[in-house]
Each structure stands twice: as structure tokens, then as C-alpha cells.
């Protein structure tokens, strides 16, 4: 069974919808938080909100070229937030939380713009890489992985907001 043009266009719109929801939730969960609060470490383990937001930014910085957009920050500037990086225990490693929030906002805007104009006929093409080491990775499966990744960490922003002592922001 082959996907129709309408089906693949709908897939792209689904990715766009997922990215928009992630952006809405992140904005709500980060509202009113300070840089100092972003550094509060969860116990007994895990990463602080600063690292989670930086990691979301890092992921979008790597994904934006896939949708024809330029990264909002260079991934090299975000190395402390990369996949597999050690937990952030030294506040001196952290980028300013306001800068991370602004980078998230810009990255979300660029992802939305890139997906708005994304050529759906490319979804079945081989992806330029695979974070899961899938030799059959397509642009479709890579976009699905990116959206899942972002949603996974977006959920953590809500938990960390409450651990900091703020009320839940998503009702």
C-alpha cells in the first residue's frame, strides 16, 4: 500500500502539530522561572531544568537543517547538553537560562517554519544519520524520533517545575 500525497502531507502536519504542542508546554512550564531555579538538581538523580532545556535546544539545533532551517545556536556551543553528556553539577557549565529559553523559542519557531514548507515527498528518503543507529532510517522515521525525543524531555520540564516548588503549569 502506498501513501497518497494527502497522507504524506498529513504526516508532515502531524509532526508540525507535535512540535507546536511541545513548544506550548515548554513555554508554560518555564514561565516565571529564574536561572538559579533552573539549576536545582533533582534527587536522588537526574538533570536540572537548565540541562533539560539546553538538551532540547541542542536536539533542535541538530534537527533544523533536516527541515531546511539554520540552527539557532551552534551545537558546539551546546556540548554540555549533548546526548550522553555528564549530569550538570557545576553551575559554571550552564548557559544563562534566559538565553536557553530564547534559543528554544527561536528553535521552535524555525522548526514550525521548516515543517510548514517541508516537501512531504522526501519523507521516504534515507536520513542523513540515525541517532538510533538504524541503517534503514528515513527522514520520516527520523522526524518521528525527533518528535518523540522532544516530547519525552518536555514532560520532564513539568516534573522539574514542580520539584523546584512551582505549581504545575499545564492543566
Foldseek 3Di string as FASTA:
>chain_A
DDDDQVRLLVLLVVLLVLLVVLLVLLCLLCPPDAQVLQQDADPPHDAGNLLLLLLLLLLLCVCLVLLPDHRPDHNVLSVCNYVPHDHDPDSVNGDGSVVSNVSSVVSSVSSNVSSVPGNSVQQCDADPDDPVRDPRHGNVNRSVVSSVVSVVSSVVSQVSSVVSPHDGRDD
